[in-house]
């Protein structure tokens, strides 16, 4: 079974019918569920929950909690992973590269995940394959 890391941008595109990436995201999500191990980390979950709550409301947060969370393998970020990501953000010196992104890259490397379900170019910049 292949492993796919799921980023906030992927989650959001599936959940928001008005998102420009909704149609390809939903199709890719439906293919991945049951066919791939879906990996994420708790930083992505915090970021996703905040975005969904703010933009889509509590009903969408509830749907995410009941329908999506049970399908995921969640890595809980260690102090070491957090520190390494923090250092990566500072070393990169880029405004558009987030701590959550750098934590996610570390998670993917540790678990050997080569694919990311996302709409964030930073994953491709890091050498990961983007789904869809």
N, C-alpha and C. Protein backbone atom coordinates (compact mmCIF):
# COMPACT_ATOMS: atom_id res chain seq x y z
N UNK A 1 0.86 -1.18 0.00
CA UNK A 1 0.00 0.00 0.00
C UNK A 1 0.90 1.24 0.00
N UNK A 2 0.63 2.13 -0.92
CA UNK A 2 1.42 3.36 -0.99
C UNK A 2 1.05 4.30 0.17
N UNK A 3 1.94 5.23 0.43
CA UNK A 3 1.71 6.21 1.49
C UNK A 3 1.65 7.60 0.87
N UNK A 4 0.64 8.37 1.26
CA UNK A 4 0.47 9.73 0.77
C UNK A 4 0.33 10.65 1.97
N UNK A 5 1.16 11.69 2.00
CA UNK A 5 1.04 12.71 3.04
C UNK A 5 -0.06 13.69 2.63
N UNK A 6 -0.95 14.03 3.56
CA UNK A 6 -2.05 14.95 3.24
C UNK A 6 -1.80 16.28 3.94
N UNK A 7 -1.77 17.33 3.14
CA UNK A 7 -1.52 18.70 3.60
C UNK A 7 -2.83 19.46 3.73
N UNK A 8 -2.79 20.55 4.44
CA UNK A 8 -3.96 21.41 4.63
C UNK A 8 -4.60 21.80 3.30
N UNK A 9 -3.79 22.13 2.31
CA UNK A 9 -4.35 22.56 1.03
C UNK A 9 -5.16 21.45 0.37
N UNK A 10 -4.76 20.21 0.55
CA UNK A 10 -5.53 19.08 0.03
C UNK A 10 -6.83 18.89 0.78
N UNK A 11 -6.73 18.89 2.12
CA UNK A 11 -7.94 18.77 2.93
C UNK A 11 -8.95 19.85 2.56
N UNK A 12 -8.46 21.09 2.50
CA UNK A 12 -9.37 22.21 2.27
C UNK A 12 -10.05 22.12 0.91
N UNK A 13 -9.29 21.74 -0.11
CA UNK A 13 -9.87 21.64 -1.46
C UNK A 13 -10.96 20.58 -1.51
N UNK A 14 -10.82 19.51 -0.75
CA UNK A 14 -11.86 18.49 -0.71
C UNK A 14 -13.10 19.01 0.00
N UNK A 15 -12.91 19.75 1.08
CA UNK A 15 -14.03 20.18 1.92
C UNK A 15 -14.83 21.36 1.36
N UNK A 16 -14.17 22.25 0.61
CA UNK A 16 -14.83 23.46 0.13
C UNK A 16 -15.25 23.30 -1.33
N UNK A 17 -16.54 23.14 -1.55
CA UNK A 17 -17.04 22.96 -2.92
C UNK A 17 -16.76 24.17 -3.81
N UNK A 18 -16.52 25.33 -3.23
CA UNK A 18 -16.24 26.53 -4.01
C UNK A 18 -14.75 26.72 -4.30
N UNK A 19 -13.91 25.87 -3.73
CA UNK A 19 -12.47 25.97 -3.98
C UNK A 19 -12.18 25.61 -5.44
N UNK A 20 -11.28 26.34 -6.07
CA UNK A 20 -10.95 26.10 -7.47
C UNK A 20 -10.37 24.71 -7.74
N UNK A 21 -9.84 24.07 -6.72
CA UNK A 21 -9.26 22.73 -6.88
C UNK A 21 -10.19 21.62 -6.38
N UNK A 22 -11.43 21.97 -6.07
CA UNK A 22 -12.32 20.97 -5.45
C UNK A 22 -12.53 19.73 -6.31
N UNK A 23 -12.81 19.90 -7.58
CA UNK A 23 -13.15 18.74 -8.43
C UNK A 23 -11.97 17.77 -8.52
N UNK A 24 -10.75 18.22 -8.88
CA UNK A 24 -9.64 17.26 -8.92
C UNK A 24 -9.28 16.72 -7.54
N UNK A 25 -9.44 17.55 -6.51
CA UNK A 25 -9.13 17.10 -5.15
C UNK A 25 -10.08 16.00 -4.72
N UNK A 26 -11.36 16.19 -4.97
CA UNK A 26 -12.35 15.19 -4.56
C UNK A 26 -12.12 13.87 -5.30
N UNK A 27 -11.83 13.95 -6.59
CA UNK A 27 -11.58 12.73 -7.37
C UNK A 27 -10.33 12.00 -6.85
N UNK A 28 -9.28 12.74 -6.57
CA UNK A 28 -8.05 12.13 -6.05
C UNK A 28 -8.28 11.54 -4.67
N UNK A 29 -9.02 12.26 -3.82
CA UNK A 29 -9.31 11.77 -2.47
C UNK A 29 -10.07 10.44 -2.54
N UNK A 30 -11.07 10.38 -3.38
CA UNK A 30 -11.87 9.16 -3.51
C UNK A 30 -11.03 7.99 -3.99
N UNK A 31 -10.04 8.24 -4.86
CA UNK A 31 -9.13 7.18 -5.31
C UNK A 31 -8.20 6.73 -4.19
N UNK A 32 -7.72 7.68 -3.39
CA UNK A 32 -6.73 7.36 -2.36
C UNK A 32 -7.33 6.61 -1.18
N UNK A 33 -8.53 6.96 -0.78
CA UNK A 33 -9.14 6.34 0.41
C UNK A 33 -9.28 4.84 0.15
N UNK A 34 -8.72 4.07 1.03
CA UNK A 34 -8.76 2.61 0.90
C UNK A 34 -7.64 2.03 0.07
N UNK A 35 -6.98 2.87 -0.72
CA UNK A 35 -5.88 2.38 -1.57
C UNK A 35 -4.52 2.85 -1.09
N UNK A 36 -4.48 3.86 -0.24
CA UNK A 36 -3.21 4.41 0.23
C UNK A 36 -3.27 4.64 1.73
N UNK A 37 -2.13 4.59 2.34
CA UNK A 37 -2.03 4.98 3.75
C UNK A 37 -1.97 6.50 3.75
N UNK A 38 -2.90 7.15 4.43
CA UNK A 38 -2.99 8.61 4.45
C UNK A 38 -2.34 9.11 5.73
N UNK A 39 -1.22 9.80 5.55
CA UNK A 39 -0.40 10.28 6.66
C UNK A 39 -0.51 11.79 6.76
N UNK A 40 -0.57 12.30 7.97
CA UNK A 40 -0.48 13.73 8.22
C UNK A 40 0.14 13.91 9.59
N UNK A 41 0.23 15.15 10.04
CA UNK A 41 0.73 15.39 11.41
C UNK A 41 -0.21 16.34 12.13
N UNK A 42 -0.01 16.44 13.43
CA UNK A 42 -0.93 17.26 14.22
C UNK A 42 -0.82 18.74 13.89
N UNK A 43 0.30 19.22 13.37
CA UNK A 43 0.40 20.62 12.98
C UNK A 43 -0.53 20.91 11.80
N UNK A 44 -0.57 19.98 10.84
CA UNK A 44 -1.49 20.14 9.70
C UNK A 44 -2.93 20.11 10.19
N UNK A 45 -3.22 19.25 11.15
CA UNK A 45 -4.59 19.19 11.68
C UNK A 45 -4.99 20.50 12.36
N UNK A 46 -4.08 21.10 13.11
CA UNK A 46 -4.37 22.39 13.76
C UNK A 46 -4.61 23.46 12.70
N UNK A 47 -3.74 23.50 11.70
CA UNK A 47 -3.86 24.49 10.63
C UNK A 47 -5.17 24.29 9.86
N UNK A 48 -5.50 23.03 9.55
CA UNK A 48 -6.73 22.73 8.81
C UNK A 48 -7.96 23.09 9.62
N UNK A 49 -7.97 22.71 10.89
CA UNK A 49 -9.14 23.02 11.74
C UNK A 49 -9.38 24.51 11.82
N UNK A 50 -8.31 25.29 11.99
CA UNK A 50 -8.46 26.75 12.09
C UNK A 50 -9.00 27.33 10.77
N UNK A 51 -8.47 26.87 9.66
CA UNK A 51 -8.90 27.37 8.35
C UNK A 51 -10.36 26.99 8.07
N UNK A 52 -10.69 25.74 8.31
CA UNK A 52 -12.05 25.26 8.04
C UNK A 52 -13.05 25.96 8.96
N UNK A 53 -12.72 26.09 10.23
CA UNK A 53 -13.62 26.77 11.17
C UNK A 53 -13.86 28.21 10.74
N UNK A 54 -12.79 28.90 10.36
CA UNK A 54 -12.91 30.32 9.98
C UNK A 54 -13.70 30.50 8.68
N UNK A 55 -13.39 29.68 7.68
CA UNK A 55 -13.99 29.88 6.36
C UNK A 55 -15.30 29.13 6.13
N UNK A 56 -15.44 27.94 6.72
CA UNK A 56 -16.59 27.10 6.41
C UNK A 56 -17.54 26.88 7.58
N UNK A 57 -17.04 27.11 8.81
CA UNK A 57 -17.91 26.99 9.97
C UNK A 57 -17.77 25.68 10.72
N UNK A 58 -18.48 25.61 11.83
CA UNK A 58 -18.36 24.47 12.74
C UNK A 58 -18.94 23.18 12.16
N UNK A 59 -19.95 23.26 11.32
CA UNK A 59 -20.49 22.03 10.72
C UNK A 59 -19.42 21.35 9.87
N UNK A 60 -18.62 22.14 9.18
CA UNK A 60 -17.54 21.58 8.36
C UNK A 60 -16.45 20.98 9.25
N UNK A 61 -16.17 21.62 10.39
CA UNK A 61 -15.19 21.06 11.33
C UNK A 61 -15.70 19.72 11.86
N UNK A 62 -16.98 19.66 12.16
CA UNK A 62 -17.57 18.40 12.65
C UNK A 62 -17.49 17.32 11.58
N UNK A 63 -17.78 17.66 10.34
CA UNK A 63 -17.69 16.69 9.25
C UNK A 63 -16.26 16.21 9.07
N UNK A 64 -15.31 17.11 9.15
CA UNK A 64 -13.90 16.75 9.06
C UNK A 64 -13.54 15.77 10.18
N UNK A 65 -13.98 16.08 11.38
CA UNK A 65 -13.68 15.25 12.55
C UNK A 65 -14.27 13.85 12.42
N UNK A 66 -15.52 13.76 11.99
CA UNK A 66 -16.18 12.45 11.95
C UNK A 66 -15.88 11.66 10.68
N UNK A 67 -15.70 12.34 9.55
CA UNK A 67 -15.55 11.64 8.27
C UNK A 67 -14.12 11.47 7.80
N UNK A 68 -13.24 12.40 8.15
CA UNK A 68 -11.87 12.38 7.62
C UNK A 68 -10.86 11.88 8.64
N UNK A 69 -10.90 12.39 9.85
CA UNK A 69 -9.89 12.01 10.85
C UNK A 69 -9.75 10.50 11.04
N UNK A 70 -10.83 9.73 11.06
CA UNK A 70 -10.66 8.28 11.25
C UNK A 70 -9.88 7.59 10.13
N UNK A 71 -9.73 8.24 8.99
CA UNK A 71 -9.03 7.64 7.85
C UNK A 71 -7.53 7.90 7.88
N UNK A 72 -7.05 8.68 8.84
CA UNK A 72 -5.67 9.17 8.83
C UNK A 72 -4.78 8.49 9.84
N UNK A 73 -3.51 8.37 9.47
CA UNK A 73 -2.45 8.07 10.41
C UNK A 73 -1.84 9.42 10.78
N UNK A 74 -1.86 9.78 12.05
CA UNK A 74 -1.39 11.10 12.49
C UNK A 74 -0.09 10.96 13.26
N UNK A 75 0.93 11.67 12.80
CA UNK A 75 2.17 11.76 13.55
C UNK A 75 2.06 12.95 14.49
N UNK A 76 2.36 12.71 15.77
CA UNK A 76 2.39 13.79 16.75
C UNK A 76 3.81 14.32 16.79
N UNK A 77 3.96 15.58 16.48
CA UNK A 77 5.26 16.20 16.28
C UNK A 77 6.04 16.27 17.59
N UNK A 78 7.25 15.79 17.53
CA UNK A 78 8.14 15.81 18.70
C UNK A 78 8.83 17.16 18.82
N UNK A 79 9.40 17.40 19.97
CA UNK A 79 10.17 18.62 20.19
C UNK A 79 11.34 18.69 19.19
N UNK A 80 11.96 17.55 18.92
CA UNK A 80 13.08 17.51 17.97
C UNK A 80 12.64 17.88 16.56
N UNK A 81 11.49 17.33 16.12
CA UNK A 81 11.00 17.66 14.78
C UNK A 81 10.65 19.15 14.70
N UNK A 82 10.00 19.66 15.75
CA UNK A 82 9.64 21.07 15.80
C UNK A 82 10.90 21.94 15.70
N UNK A 83 11.92 21.62 16.47
CA UNK A 83 13.15 22.41 16.47
C UNK A 83 13.85 22.36 15.12
N UNK A 84 13.92 21.17 14.51
CA UNK A 84 14.55 21.05 13.20
C UNK A 84 13.79 21.87 12.16
N UNK A 85 12.46 21.85 12.22
CA UNK A 85 11.65 22.62 11.28
C UNK A 85 11.83 24.13 11.51
N UNK A 86 11.89 24.51 12.76
CA UNK A 86 12.10 25.93 13.09
C UNK A 86 13.41 26.41 12.49
N UNK A 87 14.45 25.60 12.65
CA UNK A 87 15.77 25.94 12.09
C UNK A 87 15.72 25.99 10.57
N UNK A 88 14.97 25.10 9.94
CA UNK A 88 14.82 25.10 8.48
C UNK A 88 14.14 26.38 7.99
N UNK A 89 13.11 26.82 8.71
CA UNK A 89 12.42 28.06 8.35
C UNK A 89 13.38 29.24 8.43
N UNK A 90 14.12 29.32 9.51
CA UNK A 90 15.07 30.42 9.69
C UNK A 90 16.17 30.37 8.65
N UNK A 91 16.67 29.18 8.34
CA UNK A 91 17.74 29.04 7.34
C UNK A 91 17.25 29.42 5.95
N UNK A 92 16.01 29.07 5.63
CA UNK A 92 15.46 29.39 4.31
C UNK A 92 15.26 30.89 4.14
N UNK A 93 14.89 31.57 5.22
CA UNK A 93 14.71 33.01 5.17
C UNK A 93 13.64 33.47 4.20
N UNK A 94 12.62 32.66 4.00
CA UNK A 94 11.55 32.98 3.05
C UNK A 94 10.26 33.24 3.80
N UNK A 95 9.60 34.29 3.43
CA UNK A 95 8.31 34.63 4.05
C UNK A 95 7.23 33.62 3.76
N UNK A 96 7.30 32.98 2.61
CA UNK A 96 6.21 32.11 2.18
C UNK A 96 6.39 30.64 2.55
N UNK A 97 7.46 30.30 3.27
CA UNK A 97 7.68 28.92 3.70
C UNK A 97 7.35 28.83 5.19
N UNK A 98 6.34 28.02 5.52
CA UNK A 98 5.84 28.02 6.90
C UNK A 98 6.49 26.94 7.75
N UNK A 99 6.36 27.11 9.05
CA UNK A 99 6.79 26.10 10.00
C UNK A 99 6.03 24.80 9.76
N UNK A 100 4.74 24.88 9.50
CA UNK A 100 3.94 23.67 9.24
C UNK A 100 4.48 22.95 8.01
N UNK A 101 4.83 23.67 6.96
CA UNK A 101 5.41 23.04 5.77
C UNK A 101 6.70 22.29 6.14
N UNK A 102 7.58 22.94 6.86
CA UNK A 102 8.87 22.32 7.20
C UNK A 102 8.69 21.12 8.12
N UNK A 103 7.74 21.19 9.04
CA UNK A 103 7.43 20.02 9.87
C UNK A 103 6.92 18.89 8.97
N UNK A 104 6.09 19.22 8.01
CA UNK A 104 5.53 18.21 7.10
C UNK A 104 6.62 17.56 6.26
N UNK A 105 7.57 18.33 5.77
CA UNK A 105 8.68 17.75 4.99
C UNK A 105 9.45 16.75 5.84
N UNK A 106 9.69 17.10 7.10
CA UNK A 106 10.38 16.19 8.01
C UNK A 106 9.59 14.92 8.25
N UNK A 107 8.28 15.06 8.43
CA UNK A 107 7.41 13.89 8.62
C UNK A 107 7.48 12.98 7.40
N UNK A 108 7.39 13.57 6.22
CA UNK A 108 7.43 12.78 5.00
C UNK A 108 8.75 12.03 4.87
N UNK A 109 9.84 12.71 5.13
CA UNK A 109 11.15 12.07 5.01
C UNK A 109 11.30 10.93 6.01
N UNK A 110 10.87 11.14 7.23
CA UNK A 110 11.00 10.10 8.25
C UNK A 110 10.20 8.86 7.87
N UNK A 111 9.00 9.04 7.34
CA UNK A 111 8.13 7.91 7.01
C UNK A 111 8.35 7.36 5.60
N UNK A 112 9.23 8.00 4.84
CA UNK A 112 9.50 7.55 3.48
C UNK A 112 8.38 7.85 2.51
N UNK A 113 7.55 8.82 2.81
CA UNK A 113 6.46 9.21 1.90
C UNK A 113 7.04 10.04 0.76
N UNK A 114 6.71 9.67 -0.46
CA UNK A 114 7.20 10.39 -1.63
C UNK A 114 6.11 11.26 -2.26
N UNK A 115 4.84 11.01 -1.90
CA UNK A 115 3.73 11.73 -2.50
C UNK A 115 3.04 12.60 -1.46
N UNK A 116 2.63 13.78 -1.90
CA UNK A 116 1.87 14.70 -1.05
C UNK A 116 0.58 15.07 -1.76
N UNK A 117 -0.53 14.91 -1.06
CA UNK A 117 -1.82 15.36 -1.57
C UNK A 117 -1.95 16.81 -1.15
N UNK A 118 -1.70 17.69 -2.11
CA UNK A 118 -1.67 19.11 -1.77
C UNK A 118 -1.75 19.96 -3.03
N UNK A 119 -1.89 21.25 -2.80
CA UNK A 119 -1.86 22.25 -3.86
C UNK A 119 -0.86 23.34 -3.47
N UNK A 120 0.26 22.91 -2.94
CA UNK A 120 1.30 23.78 -2.39
C UNK A 120 2.60 23.45 -3.10
N UNK A 121 3.12 24.40 -3.86
CA UNK A 121 4.32 24.17 -4.65
C UNK A 121 5.55 23.86 -3.83
N UNK A 122 5.54 24.20 -2.55
CA UNK A 122 6.71 23.95 -1.71
C UNK A 122 7.05 22.47 -1.61
N UNK A 123 6.04 21.61 -1.70
CA UNK A 123 6.31 20.18 -1.64
C UNK A 123 7.08 19.72 -2.88
N UNK A 124 6.69 20.22 -4.05
CA UNK A 124 7.44 19.90 -5.28
C UNK A 124 8.85 20.46 -5.21
N UNK A 125 9.01 21.66 -4.68
CA UNK A 125 10.35 22.25 -4.52
C UNK A 125 11.25 21.37 -3.67
N UNK A 126 10.66 20.65 -2.73
CA UNK A 126 11.41 19.76 -1.86
C UNK A 126 11.64 18.36 -2.47
N UNK A 127 11.15 18.17 -3.68
CA UNK A 127 11.39 16.92 -4.39
C UNK A 127 10.30 15.87 -4.23
N UNK A 128 9.18 16.23 -3.66
CA UNK A 128 8.07 15.29 -3.48
C UNK A 128 7.15 15.34 -4.71
N UNK A 129 6.49 14.21 -4.96
CA UNK A 129 5.50 14.14 -6.04
C UNK A 129 4.16 14.64 -5.50
N UNK A 130 3.50 15.43 -6.32
CA UNK A 130 2.23 16.05 -5.92
C UNK A 130 1.06 15.25 -6.50
N UNK A 131 0.08 14.99 -5.63
CA UNK A 131 -1.19 14.39 -6.03
C UNK A 131 -2.25 15.45 -5.82
N UNK A 132 -3.16 15.75 -6.72
CA UNK A 132 -3.40 15.03 -7.98
C UNK A 132 -2.40 15.48 -8.99
